[in-house]
Amino acid sequence: MLFDTHAHLNADQFKNDLPEVIDRALKEGVSTIVVVGFDRPTINKAIELSEAYEFIYASVGWHPVDAIDMTEADLAWLEELSAHPKVVALGEMGLDYYWDKSPKEVQKDVFRKQIRLAKKVKLPIIIHNREATSDVVDILKEEGADEVGGIMHCFSGSVETAKECMKLNFYISLGGPVTFKNAKKPKEVAAEIPLERLLIETDCPYLAPHPYRGKRNEPGYVKLVAEQIANIKNITVEDVAVATTKNAKKLFGIY
């Protein structure tokens, strides 16, 4: 009953063995996967996968790194896709100050436009945040993003920031880094944030959990994330699986 809330099965890294990857995930107990699209090619592939597999859903949005490439036509296309029965969220969207392809002001503008669209179409949002926490939180507040809520994807911030995001109606999603020996903050978040506000993810093919760190990640490894959270909270893996799946289904409106 595991729910991988953020996977990129639409990435080139899976083009040669995708059916086997999906089969392994099912054998590990993964029941639902959200494939996240963040530009034209990956969005098309996410939709295609959601139509091919009953248990795969799609999220559609524009990545902040590529914000400079987004046009009004792209935004209109996202609105059109939001009506697709298998599209359960908008994103990933947000701010990324690590890469400098798109100027900060362009990123902010594209981020705001997507939040407004999410409110219009009444879908939750998936947030990408890299080295831009204060600006991300400020924009979420200013745009009234709490109206739709969503996910702080692959959360790497402090417990204090997590609590601030929770007040804005966001779930905190943990991935592979919570299993890393030196990952102090994700472990603190796993310990402090109540189970009813946590989600789990892989962000595959990136950020593979220990002992696969540095290798290609895949949805089946989300079980290792659940196991680590269970260890930290001193509860069973089943407790983590049931709670995080329930949280994800509630957020995405999957019944």
C-alpha atoms as a PDB file:
ATOM      1  CA  MET A   1       0.000   0.000   0.000  1.00  0.00           C
ATOM      2  CA  LEU A   2       2.877   2.403  -0.702  1.00  0.00           C
ATOM      3  CA  PHE A   3       2.224   5.635  -2.640  1.00  0.00           C
ATOM      4  CA  ASP A   4       5.146   7.222  -4.525  1.00  0.00           C
ATOM      5  CA  THR A   5       3.940  10.825  -4.795  1.00  0.00           C
ATOM      6  CA  HIS A   6       6.754  12.044  -7.054  1.00  0.00           C
ATOM      7  CA  ALA A   7       8.348   9.943  -9.783  1.00  0.00           C
ATOM      8  CA  HIS A   8       9.860  10.785 -13.150  1.00  0.00           C
ATOM      9  CA  LEU A   9       9.146   7.548 -15.004  1.00  0.00           C
ATOM     10  CA  ASN A  10       8.940   9.904 -17.992  1.00  0.00           C
ATOM     11  CA  ALA A  11      12.740  10.377 -17.832  1.00  0.00           C
ATOM     12  CA  ASP A  12      15.091   8.970 -20.473  1.00  0.00           C
ATOM     13  CA  GLN A  13      16.765   6.839 -17.798  1.00  0.00           C
ATOM     14  CA  PHE A  14      13.748   4.494 -17.946  1.00  0.00           C
ATOM     15  CA  LYS A  15      13.297   4.250 -21.709  1.00  0.00           C
ATOM     16  CA  ASN A  16      14.885   0.789 -22.003  1.00  0.00           C
ATOM     17  CA  ASP A  17      13.256  -1.083 -19.107  1.00  0.00           C
ATOM     18  CA  LEU A  18      10.172   0.804 -17.907  1.00  0.00           C
ATOM     19  CA  PRO A  19       7.832  -2.255 -17.722  1.00  0.00           C
ATOM     20  CA  GLU A  20      10.379  -4.085 -15.543  1.00  0.00           C
ATOM     21  CA  VAL A  21      10.777  -1.032 -13.266  1.00  0.00           C
ATOM     22  CA  ILE A  22       7.002  -0.807 -12.818  1.00  0.00           C
ATOM     23  CA  ASP A  23       6.763  -4.548 -12.181  1.00  0.00           C
ATOM     24  CA  ARG A  24       9.428  -4.332  -9.460  1.00  0.00           C
ATOM     25  CA  ALA A  25       7.534  -1.443  -7.823  1.00  0.00           C
ATOM     26  CA  LEU A  26       4.326  -3.481  -7.679  1.00  0.00           C
ATOM     27  CA  LYS A  27       6.222  -6.408  -6.131  1.00  0.00           C
ATOM     28  CA  GLU A  28       7.560  -4.062  -3.413  1.00  0.00           C
ATOM     29  CA  GLY A  29       4.011  -3.061  -2.497  1.00  0.00           C
ATOM     30  CA  VAL A  30       3.719   0.212  -4.407  1.00  0.00           C
ATOM     31  CA  SER A  31       0.027   0.696  -5.193  1.00  0.00           C
ATOM     32  CA  THR A  32      -0.005   4.215  -6.683  1.00  0.00           C
ATOM     33  CA  ILE A  33       2.484   6.482  -8.475  1.00  0.00           C
ATOM     34  CA  VAL A  34       2.241  10.117  -9.525  1.00  0.00           C
ATOM     35  CA  VAL A  35       4.441  10.837 -12.541  1.00  0.00           C
ATOM     36  CA  VAL A  36       5.448  14.487 -12.627  1.00  0.00           C
ATOM     37  CA  GLY A  37       5.823  16.436 -15.870  1.00  0.00           C
ATOM     38  CA  PHE A  38       7.682  19.746 -15.939  1.00  0.00           C
ATOM     39  CA  ASP A  39       8.000  20.702 -19.636  1.00  0.00           C
ATOM     40  CA  ARG A  40       6.285  19.746 -22.913  1.00  0.00           C
ATOM     41  CA  PRO A  41       8.014  16.372 -23.524  1.00  0.00           C
ATOM     42  CA  THR A  42       7.815  15.148 -19.907  1.00  0.00           C
ATOM     43  CA  ILE A  43       4.198  16.296 -19.532  1.00  0.00           C
ATOM     44  CA  ASN A  44       3.160  14.418 -22.671  1.00  0.00           C
ATOM     45  CA  LYS A  45       4.900  11.278 -21.396  1.00  0.00           C
ATOM     46  CA  ALA A  46       3.316  11.626 -17.922  1.00  0.00           C
ATOM     47  CA  ILE A  47      -0.155  11.800 -19.496  1.00  0.00           C
ATOM     48  CA  GLU A  48       0.650   8.846 -21.732  1.00  0.00           C
ATOM     49  CA  LEU A  49       1.744   6.717 -18.745  1.00  0.00           C
ATOM     50  CA  SER A  50      -1.335   7.702 -16.722  1.00  0.00           C
ATOM     51  CA  GLU A  51      -3.526   6.511 -19.586  1.00  0.00           C
ATOM     52  CA  ALA A  52      -1.603   3.241 -19.945  1.00  0.00           C
ATOM     53  CA  TYR A  53      -1.602   2.212 -16.272  1.00  0.00           C
ATOM     54  CA  GLU A  54      -4.611   2.370 -13.969  1.00  0.00           C
ATOM     55  CA  PHE A  55      -2.491   3.050 -10.852  1.00  0.00           C
ATOM     56  CA  ILE A  56      -0.387   5.847 -12.416  1.00  0.00           C
ATOM     57  CA  TYR A  57      -1.536   9.471 -12.241  1.00  0.00           C
ATOM     58  CA  ALA A  58       0.016  12.631 -13.657  1.00  0.00           C
ATOM     59  CA  SER A  59       0.980  16.075 -12.443  1.00  0.00           C
ATOM     60  CA  VAL A  60       1.603  18.812 -15.009  1.00  0.00           C
ATOM     61  CA  GLY A  61       3.570  22.006 -14.501  1.00  0.00           C
ATOM     62  CA  TRP A  62       6.553  24.100 -15.510  1.00  0.00           C
ATOM     63  CA  HIS A  63       9.901  23.685 -13.772  1.00  0.00           C
ATOM     64  CA  PRO A  64      11.515  26.909 -12.480  1.00  0.00           C
ATOM     65  CA  VAL A  65      14.820  26.135 -14.230  1.00  0.00           C
ATOM     66  CA  ASP A  66      12.941  26.290 -17.547  1.00  0.00           C
ATOM     67  CA  ALA A  67      10.689  29.209 -16.580  1.00  0.00           C
ATOM     68  CA  ILE A  68      12.306  31.402 -19.223  1.00  0.00           C
ATOM     69  CA  ASP A  69      10.981  29.045 -21.925  1.00  0.00           C
ATOM     70  CA  MET A  70       7.338  29.071 -20.802  1.00  0.00           C
ATOM     71  CA  THR A  71       4.874  30.939 -23.034  1.00  0.00           C
ATOM     72  CA  GLU A  72       1.255  32.000 -22.568  1.00  0.00           C
ATOM     73  CA  ALA A  73       0.360  29.128 -24.913  1.00  0.00           C
ATOM     74  CA  ASP A  74       2.065  26.706 -22.517  1.00  0.00           C
ATOM     75  CA  LEU A  75       0.067  28.108 -19.601  1.00  0.00           C
ATOM     76  CA  ALA A  76      -3.165  27.718 -21.568  1.00  0.00           C
ATOM     77  CA  TRP A  77      -2.140  24.144 -22.374  1.00  0.00           C
ATOM     78  CA  LEU A  78      -1.627  23.391 -18.679  1.00  0.00           C
ATOM     79  CA  GLU A  79      -5.118  24.698 -18.007  1.00  0.00           C
ATOM     80  CA  GLU A  80      -6.519  22.453 -20.730  1.00  0.00           C
ATOM     81  CA  LEU A  81      -4.672  19.407 -19.340  1.00  0.00           C
ATOM     82  CA  SER A  82      -5.903  20.113 -15.808  1.00  0.00           C
ATOM     83  CA  ALA A  83      -9.298  18.770 -16.880  1.00  0.00           C
ATOM     84  CA  HIS A  84      -7.809  15.361 -17.786  1.00  0.00           C
ATOM     85  CA  PRO A  85      -9.269  12.696 -15.452  1.00  0.00           C
ATOM     86  CA  LYS A  86      -5.820  11.365 -14.509  1.00  0.00           C
ATOM     87  CA  VAL A  87      -4.216  14.777 -13.812  1.00  0.00           C
ATOM     88  CA  VAL A  88      -4.278  15.185 -10.019  1.00  0.00           C
ATOM     89  CA  ALA A  89      -1.986  18.177  -9.426  1.00  0.00           C
ATOM     90  CA  LEU A  90      -0.148  21.093 -11.006  1.00  0.00           C
ATOM     91  CA  GLY A  91       3.641  21.080 -10.781  1.00  0.00           C
ATOM     92  CA  GLU A  92       6.338  20.718 -10.239  1.00  0.00           C
ATOM     93  CA  MET A  93       6.639  24.477  -9.929  1.00  0.00           C
ATOM     94  CA  GLY A  94       8.531  26.830  -7.660  1.00  0.00           C
ATOM     95  CA  LEU A  95      11.948  28.462  -7.486  1.00  0.00           C
ATOM     96  CA  ASP A  96      15.454  27.151  -8.126  1.00  0.00           C
ATOM     97  CA  TYR A  97      18.319  29.508  -7.267  1.00  0.00           C
ATOM     98  CA  TYR A  98      20.992  26.839  -7.732  1.00  0.00           C
ATOM     99  CA  TRP A  99      20.826  26.809 -11.529  1.00  0.00           C
ATOM    100  CA  ASP A 100      20.900  30.181 -13.263  1.00  0.00           C
ATOM    101  CA  LYS A 101      19.234  29.439 -16.604  1.00  0.00           C
ATOM    102  CA  SER A 102      16.096  31.448 -15.742  1.00  0.00           C
ATOM    103  CA  PRO A 103      16.382  34.857 -14.003  1.00  0.00           C
ATOM    104  CA  LYS A 104      14.821  34.987 -10.524  1.00  0.00           C
ATOM    105  CA  GLU A 105      12.138  37.496 -11.549  1.00  0.00           C
ATOM    106  CA  VAL A 106      11.080  35.275 -14.468  1.00  0.00           C
ATOM    107  CA  GLN A 107      10.902  32.257 -12.149  1.00  0.00           C
ATOM    108  CA  LYS A 108       8.760  34.196  -9.677  1.00  0.00           C
ATOM    109  CA  ASP A 109       6.385  35.365 -12.394  1.00  0.00           C
ATOM    110  CA  VAL A 110       5.919  31.843 -13.807  1.00  0.00           C
ATOM    111  CA  PHE A 111       5.481  30.464 -10.275  1.00  0.00           C
ATOM    112  CA  ARG A 112       2.764  33.018  -9.477  1.00  0.00           C
ATOM    113  CA  LYS A 113       0.930  32.341 -12.739  1.00  0.00           C
ATOM    114  CA  GLN A 114       0.847  28.605 -12.007  1.00  0.00           C
ATOM    115  CA  ILE A 115      -0.436  29.114  -8.448  1.00  0.00           C
ATOM    116  CA  ARG A 116      -3.230  31.301  -9.821  1.00  0.00           C
ATOM    117  CA  LEU A 117      -4.053  28.631 -12.385  1.00  0.00           C
ATOM    118  CA  ALA A 118      -4.150  25.953  -9.658  1.00  0.00           C
ATOM    119  CA  LYS A 119      -6.640  28.049  -7.693  1.00  0.00           C
ATOM    120  CA  LYS A 120      -8.730  28.534 -10.824  1.00  0.00           C
ATOM    121  CA  VAL A 121      -8.864  24.807 -11.657  1.00  0.00           C
ATOM    122  CA  LYS A 122      -8.896  23.732  -7.983  1.00  0.00           C
ATOM    123  CA  LEU A 123      -5.909  21.388  -8.031  1.00  0.00           C
ATOM    124  CA  PRO A 124      -3.150  21.040  -5.403  1.00  0.00           C
ATOM    125  CA  ILE A 125       0.377  22.092  -6.301  1.00  0.00           C
ATOM    126  CA  ILE A 126       3.743  20.341  -6.105  1.00  0.00           C
ATOM    127  CA  ILE A 127       6.561  22.651  -5.025  1.00  0.00           C
ATOM    128  CA  HIS A 128      10.170  22.484  -6.192  1.00  0.00           C
ATOM    129  CA  ASN A 129      12.399  24.576  -3.942  1.00  0.00           C
ATOM    130  CA  ARG A 130      16.161  24.763  -4.230  1.00  0.00           C
ATOM    131  CA  GLU A 131      18.032  27.388  -2.231  1.00  0.00           C
ATOM    132  CA  ALA A 132      14.999  29.702  -2.354  1.00  0.00           C
ATOM    133  CA  THR A 133      12.989  28.884   0.777  1.00  0.00           C
ATOM    134  CA  SER A 134      12.091  32.378   1.993  1.00  0.00           C
ATOM    135  CA  ASP A 135      10.968  33.526  -1.468  1.00  0.00           C
ATOM    136  CA  VAL A 136       8.953  30.317  -2.018  1.00  0.00           C
ATOM    137  CA  VAL A 137       7.135  30.698   1.311  1.00  0.00           C
ATOM    138  CA  ASP A 138       6.524  34.427   0.722  1.00  0.00           C
ATOM    139  CA  ILE A 139       4.978  33.781  -2.700  1.00  0.00           C
ATOM    140  CA  LEU A 140       2.804  30.948  -1.369  1.00  0.00           C
ATOM    141  CA  LYS A 141       1.477  33.345   1.282  1.00  0.00           C
ATOM    142  CA  GLU A 142       1.029  36.295  -1.086  1.00  0.00           C
ATOM    143  CA  GLU A 143      -0.818  34.193  -3.682  1.00  0.00           C
ATOM    144  CA  GLY A 144      -3.092  32.473  -1.150  1.00  0.00           C
ATOM    145  CA  ALA A 145      -1.799  29.033  -2.111  1.00  0.00           C
ATOM    146  CA  ASP A 146      -3.312  27.616   1.091  1.00  0.00           C
ATOM    147  CA  GLU A 147      -6.627  27.645  -0.798  1.00  0.00           C
ATOM    148  CA  VAL A 148      -5.482  24.571  -2.764  1.00  0.00           C
ATOM    149  CA  GLY A 149      -2.528  23.355  -0.675  1.00  0.00           C
ATOM    150  CA  GLY A 150      -0.134  20.765  -1.970  1.00  0.00           C
ATOM    151  CA  ILE A 151       3.263  19.180  -1.408  1.00  0.00           C
ATOM    152  CA  MET A 152       6.672  20.476  -0.410  1.00  0.00           C
ATOM    153  CA  HIS A 153       8.432  17.973  -2.658  1.00  0.00           C
ATOM    154  CA  CYS A 154      11.624  16.300  -1.461  1.00  0.00           C
ATOM    155  CA  PHE A 155      11.670  18.571   1.567  1.00  0.00           C
ATOM    156  CA  SER A 156      15.164  19.434   2.803  1.00  0.00           C
ATOM    157  CA  GLY A 157      14.437  22.378   5.095  1.00  0.00           C
ATOM    158  CA  SER A 158      14.202  22.759   8.855  1.00  0.00           C
ATOM    159  CA  VAL A 159      11.443  21.622  11.187  1.00  0.00           C
ATOM    160  CA  GLU A 160      10.494  25.300  11.627  1.00  0.00           C
ATOM    161  CA  THR A 161      10.084  25.770   7.860  1.00  0.00           C
ATOM    162  CA  ALA A 162       8.099  22.528   7.636  1.00  0.00           C
ATOM    163  CA  LYS A 163       5.700  23.795  10.302  1.00  0.00           C
ATOM    164  CA  GLU A 164       5.320  27.094   8.445  1.00  0.00           C
ATOM    165  CA  CYS A 165       4.480  25.201   5.234  1.00  0.00           C
ATOM    166  CA  MET A 166       1.977  23.014   7.108  1.00  0.00           C
ATOM    167  CA  LYS A 167       0.156  26.175   8.221  1.00  0.00           C
ATOM    168  CA  LEU A 168      -0.177  26.985   4.500  1.00  0.00           C
ATOM    169  CA  ASN A 169      -1.996  23.672   3.936  1.00  0.00           C
ATOM    170  CA  PHE A 170       1.024  21.800   2.566  1.00  0.00           C
ATOM    171  CA  TYR A 171       2.146  18.244   3.204  1.00  0.00           C
ATOM    172  CA  ILE A 172       5.826  17.524   3.792  1.00  0.00           C
ATOM    173  CA  SER A 173       7.220  14.899   1.431  1.00  0.00           C
ATOM    174  CA  LEU A 174      10.388  12.966   2.248  1.00  0.00           C
ATOM    175  CA  GLY A 175      12.485  10.991  -0.208  1.00  0.00           C
ATOM    176  CA  GLY A 176      15.828   9.204  -0.423  1.00  0.00           C
ATOM    177  CA  PRO A 177      17.842  11.799   1.537  1.00  0.00           C
ATOM    178  CA  VAL A 178      16.081  10.813   4.796  1.00  0.00           C
ATOM    179  CA  THR A 179      18.050   7.535   4.550  1.00  0.00           C
ATOM    180  CA  PHE A 180      21.437   9.241   4.115  1.00  0.00           C
ATOM    181  CA  LYS A 181      23.747   8.936   7.114  1.00  0.00           C
ATOM    182  CA  ASN A 182      24.631  12.663   7.100  1.00  0.00           C
ATOM    183  CA  ALA A 183      21.093  13.987   6.424  1.00  0.00           C
ATOM    184  CA  LYS A 184      20.354  15.673   9.746  1.00  0.00           C
ATOM    185  CA  LYS A 185      17.438  17.909   8.735  1.00  0.00           C
ATOM    186  CA  PRO A 186      15.264  15.305   6.939  1.00  0.00           C
ATOM    187  CA  LYS A 187      15.657  12.981   9.933  1.00  0.00           C
ATOM    188  CA  GLU A 188      14.612  15.776  12.331  1.00  0.00           C
ATOM    189  CA  VAL A 189      11.594  16.519  10.130  1.00  0.00           C
ATOM    190  CA  ALA A 190      10.656  12.820  10.036  1.00  0.00           C
ATOM    191  CA  ALA A 191      10.796  12.750  13.834  1.00  0.00           C
ATOM    192  CA  GLU A 192       8.914  15.994  14.494  1.00  0.00           C
ATOM    193  CA  ILE A 193       6.243  16.245  11.806  1.00  0.00           C
ATOM    194  CA  PRO A 194       3.063  14.275  12.568  1.00  0.00           C
ATOM    195  CA  LEU A 195       2.416  11.242  10.390  1.00  0.00           C
ATOM    196  CA  GLU A 196      -0.869  12.730   9.123  1.00  0.00           C
ATOM    197  CA  ARG A 197       1.113  15.521   7.410  1.00  0.00           C
ATOM    198  CA  LEU A 198       3.845  13.378   5.822  1.00  0.00           C
ATOM    199  CA  LEU A 199       4.135  11.925   2.322  1.00  0.00           C
ATOM    200  CA  ILE A 200       6.796   9.714   0.771  1.00  0.00           C
ATOM    201  CA  GLU A 201       8.383   9.839  -2.676  1.00  0.00           C
ATOM    202  CA  THR A 202      11.372   8.744  -4.702  1.00  0.00           C
ATOM    203  CA  ASP A 203      11.942  11.625  -7.197  1.00  0.00           C
ATOM    204  CA  CYS A 204      13.301   8.784  -9.312  1.00  0.00           C
ATOM    205  CA  PRO A 205      15.585   8.461 -11.235  1.00  0.00           C
ATOM    206  CA  TYR A 206      17.278  10.909  -8.847  1.00  0.00           C
ATOM    207  CA  LEU A 207      18.167  10.776  -5.119  1.00  0.00           C
ATOM    208  CA  ALA A 208      18.204   7.008  -4.658  1.00  0.00           C
ATOM    209  CA  PRO A 209      18.041   5.997  -0.987  1.00  0.00           C
ATOM    210  CA  HIS A 210      20.766   4.110   0.863  1.00  0.00           C
ATOM    211  CA  PRO A 211      22.088   1.524  -0.065  1.00  0.00           C
ATOM    212  CA  TYR A 212      21.505   2.557  -3.697  1.00  0.00           C
ATOM    213  CA  ARG A 213      22.784   6.114  -3.295  1.00  0.00           C
ATOM    214  CA  GLY A 214      24.407   7.338  -6.507  1.00  0.00           C
ATOM    215  CA  LYS A 215      22.595   4.763  -8.630  1.00  0.00           C
ATOM    216  CA  ARG A 216      19.363   5.131 -10.600  1.00  0.00           C
ATOM    217  CA  ASN A 217      16.380   5.467  -8.295  1.00  0.00           C
ATOM    218  CA  GLU A 218      13.042   3.758  -8.999  1.00  0.00           C
ATOM    219  CA  PRO A 219       9.556   3.676  -7.399  1.00  0.00           C
ATOM    220  CA  GLY A 220      10.114   0.345  -5.620  1.00  0.00           C
ATOM    221  CA  TYR A 221      12.753   2.041  -3.459  1.00  0.00           C
ATOM    222  CA  VAL A 222      10.072   4.201  -1.801  1.00  0.00           C
ATOM    223  CA  LYS A 223       9.762   1.275   0.620  1.00  0.00           C
ATOM    224  CA  LEU A 224      13.230   2.158   1.975  1.00  0.00           C
ATOM    225  CA  VAL A 225      12.021   5.712   2.670  1.00  0.00           C
ATOM    226  CA  ALA A 226       8.995   4.321   4.550  1.00  0.00           C
ATOM    227  CA  GLU A 227      11.251   1.976   6.540  1.00  0.00           C
ATOM    228  CA  GLN A 228      13.536   4.825   7.590  1.00  0.00           C
ATOM    229  CA  ILE A 229      10.608   6.993   8.742  1.00  0.00           C
ATOM    230  CA  ALA A 230       9.221   4.005  10.648  1.00  0.00           C
ATOM    231  CA  ASN A 231      12.591   3.518  12.392  1.00  0.00           C
ATOM    232  CA  ILE A 232      12.803   7.196  13.320  1.00  0.00           C
ATOM    233  CA  LYS A 233       9.234   7.308  14.659  1.00  0.00           C
ATOM    234  CA  ASN A 234       9.497   3.863  16.262  1.00  0.00           C
ATOM    235  CA  ILE A 235       6.379   2.596  14.486  1.00  0.00           C
ATOM    236  CA  THR A 236       5.787  -0.106  11.873  1.00  0.00           C
ATOM    237  CA  VAL A 237       6.368   0.279   8.139  1.00  0.00           C
ATOM    238  CA  GLU A 238       2.694  -0.614   7.715  1.00  0.00           C
ATOM    239  CA  ASP A 239       1.761   2.401   9.868  1.00  0.00           C
ATOM    240  CA  VAL A 240       3.818   4.675   7.616  1.00  0.00           C
ATOM    241  CA  ALA A 241       2.478   3.093   4.422  1.00  0.00           C
ATOM    242  CA  VAL A 242      -1.173   3.308   5.469  1.00  0.00           C
ATOM    243  CA  ALA A 243      -0.934   6.892   6.747  1.00  0.00           C
ATOM    244  CA  THR A 244       1.072   8.344   3.859  1.00  0.00           C
ATOM    245  CA  THR A 245      -1.122   6.596   1.274  1.00  0.00           C
ATOM    246  CA  LYS A 246      -4.245   7.935   2.975  1.00  0.00           C
ATOM    247  CA  ASN A 247      -2.727  11.441   3.031  1.00  0.00           C
ATOM    248  CA  ALA A 248      -1.797  11.305  -0.654  1.00  0.00           C
ATOM    249  CA  LYS A 249      -5.191  10.005  -1.761  1.00  0.00           C
ATOM    250  CA  LYS A 250      -6.941  12.717   0.234  1.00  0.00           C
ATOM    251  CA  LEU A 251      -4.732  15.449  -1.245  1.00  0.00           C
ATOM    252  CA  PHE A 252      -5.006  14.236  -4.836  1.00  0.00           C
ATOM    253  CA  GLY A 253      -8.687  13.309  -4.608  1.00  0.00           C
ATOM    254  CA  ILE A 254      -8.033   9.657  -5.521  1.00  0.00           C
ATOM    255  CA  TYR A 255     -10.672   7.270  -4.143  1.00  0.00           C
END
